[in-house]
Amino acid sequence: PVRFHNQVDDYLERIRHSTDGISGYLPYRSSIDGRLYILEYTSSMFHESNGSPRLVRGIARDVTDHIQSTKSLQRMEHRTRLLLISSELTQKKLSILSHNILRMQEEDRRKIGRELHDEVSQLLVAIGVNLDVVKSMLPSQNGSIHERINDTKRITEDILDRVRRVLREFRSLDIEQRGLIQSLRSFIDDFTSRTGIKVQLCEDDLVEILGYEQKAVIYRIIQESLTNAAKYSQATAITITIGCHADE
């Protein structure tokens, strides 16, 4: 049709000045099913021996499905990148939250420890003193009452011992001042004296370069492990090894 002559002339002019031919993509809507197809074409010109143009050869192939698949894959990759970024942000938030929870737990331990030491322990000691005073004021022939007072005092002393044991378990607060290794050795010595279980600590001083949160976690893990061992394992000896493997 005449209306396309200018476009054909431009097309042929492009081919004529191209050494390798031209290529590109063309949209084509089928008159049969009305579907839009994408065609990838390559055109080149053949010349006579004297250099004059002889014919144009064109090859086109349907790349509609390929392009759609590529776009679908690109969209999937984009969603994957967004999910990865979201996952990294979530991990960072969880890490920050974990650190905050750990510090809050340690602060709660400090508060509970202070209350147990300053209030509960002193009250128990006062109860024991009062029991001694009451016992001294009673006639010696009140044997049953004396026995009941002695039994109550034993219960009070047992409660006081349990409170002191909890206080010792809460004591990891000197990690920043004394270091993790020294704090662990102090806890282990106390653990052995209470349970009779021998504990060998094989440590690496490099652990001291860790941050407070990491040290506190290690301390609590060892503390809980030893407590469980004393309760359930019937162990007579325990070995704890802290070492560096690669970058861990």
C-alpha atoms as a PDB file:
ATOM      1  CA  PRO A   1       0.000   0.000   0.000  1.00  0.00           C
ATOM      2  CA  VAL A   2       1.127   3.501  -0.846  1.00  0.00           C
ATOM      3  CA  ARG A   3       0.861   4.690   2.746  1.00  0.00           C
ATOM      4  CA  PHE A   4       3.731   2.371   3.718  1.00  0.00           C
ATOM      5  CA  HIS A   5       6.099   3.371   0.879  1.00  0.00           C
ATOM      6  CA  ASN A   6       8.028   5.856   3.015  1.00  0.00           C
ATOM      7  CA  GLN A   7       8.483   3.333   5.796  1.00  0.00           C
ATOM      8  CA  VAL A   8       9.692   0.705   3.321  1.00  0.00           C
ATOM      9  CA  ASP A   9      12.144   3.194   1.817  1.00  0.00           C
ATOM     10  CA  ASP A  10      13.525   4.011   5.254  1.00  0.00           C
ATOM     11  CA  TYR A  11      13.747   0.302   6.032  1.00  0.00           C
ATOM     12  CA  LEU A  12      15.657  -0.440   2.838  1.00  0.00           C
ATOM     13  CA  GLU A  13      17.929   2.554   3.408  1.00  0.00           C
ATOM     14  CA  ARG A  14      18.860   1.229   6.822  1.00  0.00           C
ATOM     15  CA  ILE A  15      19.652  -2.190   5.422  1.00  0.00           C
ATOM     16  CA  ARG A  16      21.659  -0.727   2.551  1.00  0.00           C
ATOM     17  CA  HIS A  17      23.979   1.083   4.928  1.00  0.00           C
ATOM     18  CA  SER A  18      24.292  -1.846   7.346  1.00  0.00           C
ATOM     19  CA  THR A  19      27.100  -4.345   6.916  1.00  0.00           C
ATOM     20  CA  ASP A  20      25.603  -6.976   9.202  1.00  0.00           C
ATOM     21  CA  GLY A  21      21.937  -6.328   8.562  1.00  0.00           C
ATOM     22  CA  ILE A  22      19.441  -5.015  11.077  1.00  0.00           C
ATOM     23  CA  SER A  23      17.452  -6.699  13.806  1.00  0.00           C
ATOM     24  CA  GLY A  24      14.794  -5.828  16.308  1.00  0.00           C
ATOM     25  CA  TYR A  25      11.335  -6.653  17.574  1.00  0.00           C
ATOM     26  CA  LEU A  26       7.944  -6.118  15.970  1.00  0.00           C
ATOM     27  CA  PRO A  27       4.500  -6.346  17.549  1.00  0.00           C
ATOM     28  CA  TYR A  28       2.012  -8.278  15.444  1.00  0.00           C
ATOM     29  CA  ARG A  29      -1.654  -8.759  16.198  1.00  0.00           C
ATOM     30  CA  SER A  30      -3.099 -11.844  14.595  1.00  0.00           C
ATOM     31  CA  SER A  31      -6.215 -11.392  12.500  1.00  0.00           C
ATOM     32  CA  ILE A  32      -7.172 -14.961  13.344  1.00  0.00           C
ATOM     33  CA  ASP A  33      -7.216 -15.048  17.140  1.00  0.00           C
ATOM     34  CA  GLY A  34      -6.674 -11.355  17.831  1.00  0.00           C
ATOM     35  CA  ARG A  35      -3.669 -12.163  20.040  1.00  0.00           C
ATOM     36  CA  LEU A  36      -0.679  -9.836  20.165  1.00  0.00           C
ATOM     37  CA  TYR A  37       2.556 -11.543  19.211  1.00  0.00           C
ATOM     38  CA  ILE A  38       6.122 -10.284  19.543  1.00  0.00           C
ATOM     39  CA  LEU A  39       8.340 -11.149  16.574  1.00  0.00           C
ATOM     40  CA  GLU A  40      12.121 -10.955  16.632  1.00  0.00           C
ATOM     41  CA  TYR A  41      13.389 -10.198  13.142  1.00  0.00           C
ATOM     42  CA  THR A  42      16.705 -10.078  11.348  1.00  0.00           C
ATOM     43  CA  SER A  43      17.011  -8.532   7.846  1.00  0.00           C
ATOM     44  CA  SER A  44      19.957  -8.305   5.498  1.00  0.00           C
ATOM     45  CA  MET A  45      20.516  -7.280   1.877  1.00  0.00           C
ATOM     46  CA  PHE A  46      22.220  -9.279  -0.839  1.00  0.00           C
ATOM     47  CA  HIS A  47      24.052  -7.437  -3.636  1.00  0.00           C
ATOM     48  CA  GLU A  48      24.992  -8.173  -7.192  1.00  0.00           C
ATOM     49  CA  SER A  49      28.634  -8.645  -8.067  1.00  0.00           C
ATOM     50  CA  ASN A  50      28.756  -5.001  -9.173  1.00  0.00           C
ATOM     51  CA  GLY A  51      27.500  -3.891  -5.764  1.00  0.00           C
ATOM     52  CA  SER A  52      23.925  -3.061  -6.722  1.00  0.00           C
ATOM     53  CA  PRO A  53      21.264  -4.394  -4.356  1.00  0.00           C
ATOM     54  CA  ARG A  54      19.601  -7.610  -5.457  1.00  0.00           C
ATOM     55  CA  LEU A  55      17.229  -8.771  -2.729  1.00  0.00           C
ATOM     56  CA  VAL A  56      16.363  -8.503   0.932  1.00  0.00           C
ATOM     57  CA  ARG A  57      16.150 -11.559   3.139  1.00  0.00           C
ATOM     58  CA  GLY A  58      14.234 -11.390   6.386  1.00  0.00           C
ATOM     59  CA  ILE A  59      13.759 -13.957   9.120  1.00  0.00           C
ATOM     60  CA  ALA A  60      11.290 -13.573  11.977  1.00  0.00           C
ATOM     61  CA  ARG A  61      10.461 -15.832  14.885  1.00  0.00           C
ATOM     62  CA  ASP A  62       7.792 -15.763  17.534  1.00  0.00           C
ATOM     63  CA  VAL A  63       9.374 -14.832  20.882  1.00  0.00           C
ATOM     64  CA  THR A  64       6.149 -13.951  22.698  1.00  0.00           C
ATOM     65  CA  ASP A  65       6.338 -16.818  25.207  1.00  0.00           C
ATOM     66  CA  HIS A  66      10.055 -16.259  25.752  1.00  0.00           C
ATOM     67  CA  ILE A  67       9.570 -12.565  26.501  1.00  0.00           C
ATOM     68  CA  GLN A  68       6.659 -13.295  28.804  1.00  0.00           C
ATOM     69  CA  SER A  69       8.720 -15.924  30.605  1.00  0.00           C
ATOM     70  CA  THR A  70      11.625 -13.492  30.903  1.00  0.00           C
ATOM     71  CA  LYS A  71       9.367 -10.782  32.299  1.00  0.00           C
ATOM     72  CA  SER A  72       7.829 -13.274  34.698  1.00  0.00           C
ATOM     73  CA  LEU A  73      11.305 -14.340  35.812  1.00  0.00           C
ATOM     74  CA  GLN A  74      12.353 -10.693  36.258  1.00  0.00           C
ATOM     75  CA  ARG A  75       9.269 -10.033  38.363  1.00  0.00           C
ATOM     76  CA  MET A  76      10.057 -13.131  40.421  1.00  0.00           C
ATOM     77  CA  GLU A  77      13.668 -12.012  40.891  1.00  0.00           C
ATOM     78  CA  HIS A  78      12.446  -8.586  41.925  1.00  0.00           C
ATOM     79  CA  ARG A  79      10.076 -10.101  44.493  1.00  0.00           C
ATOM     80  CA  THR A  80      12.883 -12.366  45.722  1.00  0.00           C
ATOM     81  CA  ARG A  81      15.193  -9.374  46.206  1.00  0.00           C
ATOM     82  CA  LEU A  82      12.451  -7.567  48.118  1.00  0.00           C
ATOM     83  CA  LEU A  83      11.905 -10.637  50.303  1.00  0.00           C
ATOM     84  CA  LEU A  84      15.642 -10.922  50.918  1.00  0.00           C
ATOM     85  CA  ILE A  85      15.873  -7.260  51.920  1.00  0.00           C
ATOM     86  CA  SER A  86      12.826  -7.701  54.163  1.00  0.00           C
ATOM     87  CA  SER A  87      14.386 -10.805  55.721  1.00  0.00           C
ATOM     88  CA  GLU A  88      17.661  -8.984  56.414  1.00  0.00           C
ATOM     89  CA  LEU A  89      15.801  -6.097  58.031  1.00  0.00           C
ATOM     90  CA  THR A  90      13.795  -8.541  60.130  1.00  0.00           C
ATOM     91  CA  GLN A  91      16.988 -10.299  61.245  1.00  0.00           C
ATOM     92  CA  LYS A  92      18.514  -6.974  62.262  1.00  0.00           C
ATOM     93  CA  LYS A  93      15.382  -6.055  64.200  1.00  0.00           C
ATOM     94  CA  LEU A  94      15.372  -9.475  65.907  1.00  0.00           C
ATOM     95  CA  SER A  95      19.039  -9.061  66.785  1.00  0.00           C
ATOM     96  CA  ILE A  96      18.377  -5.658  68.341  1.00  0.00           C
ATOM     97  CA  LEU A  97      15.328  -7.041  70.141  1.00  0.00           C
ATOM     98  CA  SER A  98      17.348  -9.994  71.422  1.00  0.00           C
ATOM     99  CA  HIS A  99      20.027  -7.674  72.807  1.00  0.00           C
ATOM    100  CA  ASN A 100      17.391  -5.496  74.467  1.00  0.00           C
ATOM    101  CA  ILE A 101      15.651  -8.525  75.988  1.00  0.00           C
ATOM    102  CA  LEU A 102      18.964  -9.827  77.316  1.00  0.00           C
ATOM    103  CA  ARG A 103      19.792  -6.502  78.956  1.00  0.00           C
ATOM    104  CA  MET A 104      16.287  -6.299  80.425  1.00  0.00           C
ATOM    105  CA  GLN A 105      16.648  -9.826  81.810  1.00  0.00           C
ATOM    106  CA  GLU A 106      19.988  -8.984  83.378  1.00  0.00           C
ATOM    107  CA  GLU A 107      18.533  -5.802  84.858  1.00  0.00           C
ATOM    108  CA  ASP A 108      15.619  -7.810  86.288  1.00  0.00           C
ATOM    109  CA  ARG A 109      18.131 -10.229  87.798  1.00  0.00           C
ATOM    110  CA  ARG A 110      19.931  -7.290  89.421  1.00  0.00           C
ATOM    111  CA  LYS A 111      16.683  -5.973  90.916  1.00  0.00           C
ATOM    112  CA  ILE A 112      15.570  -9.377  92.179  1.00  0.00           C
ATOM    113  CA  GLY A 113      19.046 -10.023  93.574  1.00  0.00           C
ATOM    114  CA  ARG A 114      19.068  -6.695  95.432  1.00  0.00           C
ATOM    115  CA  GLU A 115      15.607  -7.359  96.881  1.00  0.00           C
ATOM    116  CA  LEU A 116      16.540 -10.871  97.957  1.00  0.00           C
ATOM    117  CA  HIS A 117      19.766  -9.664  99.539  1.00  0.00           C
ATOM    118  CA  ASP A 118      18.538  -6.437 101.117  1.00  0.00           C
ATOM    119  CA  GLU A 119      15.070  -7.501 102.234  1.00  0.00           C
ATOM    120  CA  VAL A 120      14.333 -11.223 102.216  1.00  0.00           C
ATOM    121  CA  SER A 121      17.722 -12.303 103.565  1.00  0.00           C
ATOM    122  CA  GLN A 122      17.623  -9.755 106.364  1.00  0.00           C
ATOM    123  CA  LEU A 123      14.064 -10.735 107.292  1.00  0.00           C
ATOM    124  CA  LEU A 124      15.029 -14.397 107.501  1.00  0.00           C
ATOM    125  CA  VAL A 125      18.005 -13.561 109.666  1.00  0.00           C
ATOM    126  CA  ALA A 126      15.718 -11.478 111.903  1.00  0.00           C
ATOM    127  CA  ILE A 127      13.288 -14.388 112.199  1.00  0.00           C
ATOM    128  CA  GLY A 128      16.127 -16.652 113.307  1.00  0.00           C
ATOM    129  CA  VAL A 129      17.248 -14.140 115.913  1.00  0.00           C
ATOM    130  CA  ASN A 130      13.697 -13.758 117.258  1.00  0.00           C
ATOM    131  CA  LEU A 131      13.339 -17.532 117.488  1.00  0.00           C
ATOM    132  CA  ASP A 132      16.507 -17.670 119.604  1.00  0.00           C
ATOM    133  CA  VAL A 133      15.137 -14.930 121.856  1.00  0.00           C
ATOM    134  CA  VAL A 134      11.784 -16.678 122.274  1.00  0.00           C
ATOM    135  CA  LYS A 135      13.550 -19.972 123.006  1.00  0.00           C
ATOM    136  CA  SER A 136      15.699 -18.334 125.704  1.00  0.00           C
ATOM    137  CA  MET A 137      12.610 -16.850 127.378  1.00  0.00           C
ATOM    138  CA  LEU A 138      10.770 -20.148 127.630  1.00  0.00           C
ATOM    139  CA  PRO A 139      11.216 -22.481 130.605  1.00  0.00           C
ATOM    140  CA  SER A 140      13.448 -25.419 129.888  1.00  0.00           C
ATOM    141  CA  GLN A 141      10.671 -27.886 130.697  1.00  0.00           C
ATOM    142  CA  ASN A 142       8.701 -26.826 127.623  1.00  0.00           C
ATOM    143  CA  GLY A 143      10.501 -29.410 125.548  1.00  0.00           C
ATOM    144  CA  SER A 144       7.891 -29.711 122.814  1.00  0.00           C
ATOM    145  CA  ILE A 145       7.856 -25.965 122.243  1.00  0.00           C
ATOM    146  CA  HIS A 146      11.677 -25.852 122.184  1.00  0.00           C
ATOM    147  CA  GLU A 147      11.661 -28.640 119.607  1.00  0.00           C
ATOM    148  CA  ARG A 148       9.104 -26.806 117.492  1.00  0.00           C
ATOM    149  CA  ILE A 149      11.212 -23.612 117.668  1.00  0.00           C
ATOM    150  CA  ASN A 150      14.333 -25.546 116.662  1.00  0.00           C
ATOM    151  CA  ASP A 151      12.450 -27.102 113.740  1.00  0.00           C
ATOM    152  CA  THR A 152      11.189 -23.671 112.639  1.00  0.00           C
ATOM    153  CA  LYS A 153      14.701 -22.286 112.853  1.00  0.00           C
ATOM    154  CA  ARG A 154      16.014 -25.127 110.690  1.00  0.00           C
ATOM    155  CA  ILE A 155      13.345 -24.335 108.113  1.00  0.00           C
ATOM    156  CA  THR A 156      14.293 -20.649 108.239  1.00  0.00           C
ATOM    157  CA  GLU A 157      17.970 -21.481 107.763  1.00  0.00           C
ATOM    158  CA  ASP A 158      17.100 -23.779 104.867  1.00  0.00           C
ATOM    159  CA  ILE A 159      15.090 -20.976 103.210  1.00  0.00           C
ATOM    160  CA  LEU A 160      17.985 -18.579 103.789  1.00  0.00           C
ATOM    161  CA  ASP A 161      20.381 -21.076 102.207  1.00  0.00           C
ATOM    162  CA  ARG A 162      18.082 -21.418  99.189  1.00  0.00           C
ATOM    163  CA  VAL A 163      17.883 -17.626  98.850  1.00  0.00           C
ATOM    164  CA  ARG A 164      21.667 -17.374  98.940  1.00  0.00           C
ATOM    165  CA  ARG A 165      21.865 -20.109  96.305  1.00  0.00           C
ATOM    166  CA  VAL A 166      19.536 -18.119  94.037  1.00  0.00           C
ATOM    167  CA  LEU A 167      21.645 -15.047  94.647  1.00  0.00           C
ATOM    168  CA  ARG A 168      24.733 -16.943  93.544  1.00  0.00           C
ATOM    169  CA  GLU A 169      22.963 -18.092  90.381  1.00  0.00           C
ATOM    170  CA  PHE A 170      21.950 -14.516  89.636  1.00  0.00           C
ATOM    171  CA  ARG A 171      25.520 -13.331  90.027  1.00  0.00           C
ATOM    172  CA  SER A 172      26.865 -12.694  86.525  1.00  0.00           C
ATOM    173  CA  LEU A 173      26.818  -8.971  86.904  1.00  0.00           C
ATOM    174  CA  ASP A 174      30.570  -8.633  87.377  1.00  0.00           C
ATOM    175  CA  ILE A 175      31.393  -9.879  83.863  1.00  0.00           C
ATOM    176  CA  GLU A 176      32.160  -6.373  82.678  1.00  0.00           C
ATOM    177  CA  GLN A 177      34.489  -5.732  85.619  1.00  0.00           C
ATOM    178  CA  ARG A 178      36.095  -9.161  86.179  1.00  0.00           C
ATOM    179  CA  GLY A 179      35.817 -10.686  82.706  1.00  0.00           C
ATOM    180  CA  LEU A 180      33.968 -13.818  81.637  1.00  0.00           C
ATOM    181  CA  ILE A 181      36.669 -16.362  82.525  1.00  0.00           C
ATOM    182  CA  GLN A 182      37.174 -15.089  86.063  1.00  0.00           C
ATOM    183  CA  SER A 183      33.401 -14.914  86.611  1.00  0.00           C
ATOM    184  CA  LEU A 184      33.008 -18.488  85.388  1.00  0.00           C
ATOM    185  CA  ARG A 185      35.819 -19.736  87.627  1.00  0.00           C
ATOM    186  CA  SER A 186      34.167 -18.105  90.622  1.00  0.00           C
ATOM    187  CA  PHE A 187      30.824 -19.697  89.776  1.00  0.00           C
ATOM    188  CA  ILE A 188      32.451 -23.094  89.146  1.00  0.00           C
ATOM    189  CA  ASP A 189      34.285 -23.008  92.503  1.00  0.00           C
ATOM    190  CA  ASP A 190      31.015 -22.271  94.273  1.00  0.00           C
ATOM    191  CA  PHE A 191      29.240 -24.991  92.242  1.00  0.00           C
ATOM    192  CA  THR A 192      31.852 -27.593  93.196  1.00  0.00           C
ATOM    193  CA  SER A 193      31.721 -26.656  96.870  1.00  0.00           C
ATOM    194  CA  ARG A 194      27.927 -27.068  96.876  1.00  0.00           C
ATOM    195  CA  THR A 195      27.604 -30.222  94.793  1.00  0.00           C
ATOM    196  CA  GLY A 196      30.950 -32.004  95.163  1.00  0.00           C
ATOM    197  CA  ILE A 197      31.124 -32.332  91.352  1.00  0.00           C
ATOM    198  CA  LYS A 198      34.575 -31.561  89.955  1.00  0.00           C
ATOM    199  CA  VAL A 199      34.512 -29.150  87.006  1.00  0.00           C
ATOM    200  CA  GLN A 200      37.413 -28.558  84.633  1.00  0.00           C
ATOM    201  CA  LEU A 201      37.320 -25.348  82.602  1.00  0.00           C
ATOM    202  CA  CYS A 202      39.378 -25.276  79.382  1.00  0.00           C
ATOM    203  CA  GLU A 203      39.152 -21.714  78.155  1.00  0.00           C
ATOM    204  CA  ASP A 204      40.559 -19.496  75.432  1.00  0.00           C
ATOM    205  CA  ASP A 205      41.374 -15.930  76.477  1.00  0.00           C
ATOM    206  CA  LEU A 206      40.141 -14.706  73.081  1.00  0.00           C
ATOM    207  CA  VAL A 207      36.630 -15.045  74.486  1.00  0.00           C
ATOM    208  CA  GLU A 208      37.233 -11.795  76.349  1.00  0.00           C
ATOM    209  CA  ILE A 209      37.059  -9.807  73.069  1.00  0.00           C
ATOM    210  CA  LEU A 210      33.353 -10.644  72.809  1.00  0.00           C
ATOM    211  CA  GLY A 211      30.690  -8.107  73.708  1.00  0.00           C
ATOM    212  CA  TYR A 212      28.777  -8.068  76.993  1.00  0.00           C
ATOM    213  CA  GLU A 213      25.642  -9.702  75.520  1.00  0.00           C
ATOM    214  CA  GLN A 214      27.654 -12.588  74.073  1.00  0.00           C
ATOM    215  CA  LYS A 215      29.539 -13.128  77.309  1.00  0.00           C
ATOM    216  CA  ALA A 216      26.312 -13.044  79.307  1.00  0.00           C
ATOM    217  CA  VAL A 217      24.740 -15.659  77.026  1.00  0.00           C
ATOM    218  CA  ILE A 218      27.772 -17.947  77.388  1.00  0.00           C
ATOM    219  CA  TYR A 219      27.701 -17.504  81.150  1.00  0.00           C
ATOM    220  CA  ARG A 220      23.993 -18.364  81.342  1.00  0.00           C
ATOM    221  CA  ILE A 221      24.407 -21.399  79.070  1.00  0.00           C
ATOM    222  CA  ILE A 222      27.172 -22.796  81.276  1.00  0.00           C
ATOM    223  CA  GLN A 223      25.262 -21.939  84.428  1.00  0.00           C
ATOM    224  CA  GLU A 224      22.123 -23.718  83.218  1.00  0.00           C
ATOM    225  CA  SER A 225      24.118 -26.698  81.930  1.00  0.00           C
ATOM    226  CA  LEU A 226      25.861 -27.217  85.257  1.00  0.00           C
ATOM    227  CA  THR A 227      22.591 -26.850  87.150  1.00  0.00           C
ATOM    228  CA  ASN A 228      20.931 -29.468  84.950  1.00  0.00           C
ATOM    229  CA  ALA A 229      23.928 -31.776  85.263  1.00  0.00           C
ATOM    230  CA  ALA A 230      23.778 -31.568  89.038  1.00  0.00           C
ATOM    231  CA  LYS A 231      20.034 -32.303  89.062  1.00  0.00           C
ATOM    232  CA  TYR A 232      19.721 -35.056  86.471  1.00  0.00           C
ATOM    233  CA  SER A 233      23.004 -36.540  85.230  1.00  0.00           C
ATOM    234  CA  GLN A 234      24.506 -38.009  88.410  1.00  0.00           C
ATOM    235  CA  ALA A 235      27.844 -36.831  87.021  1.00  0.00           C
ATOM    236  CA  THR A 236      30.981 -36.904  89.144  1.00  0.00           C
ATOM    237  CA  ALA A 237      33.101 -34.779  86.799  1.00  0.00           C
ATOM    238  CA  ILE A 238      32.334 -32.162  84.138  1.00  0.00           C
ATOM    239  CA  THR A 239      34.576 -30.603  81.505  1.00  0.00           C
ATOM    240  CA  ILE A 240      33.735 -27.245  79.913  1.00  0.00           C
ATOM    241  CA  THR A 241      35.641 -26.186  76.818  1.00  0.00           C
ATOM    242  CA  ILE A 242      35.522 -22.666  75.364  1.00  0.00           C
ATOM    243  CA  GLY A 243      37.488 -22.357  72.150  1.00  0.00           C
ATOM    244  CA  CYS A 244      37.672 -20.624  68.784  1.00  0.00           C
ATOM    245  CA  HIS A 245      36.946 -22.573  65.620  1.00  0.00           C
ATOM    246  CA  ALA A 246      37.570 -20.637  62.395  1.00  0.00           C
ATOM    247  CA  ASP A 247      35.721 -17.375  63.043  1.00  0.00           C
ATOM    248  CA  GLU A 248      33.342 -18.787  65.674  1.00  0.00           C
END
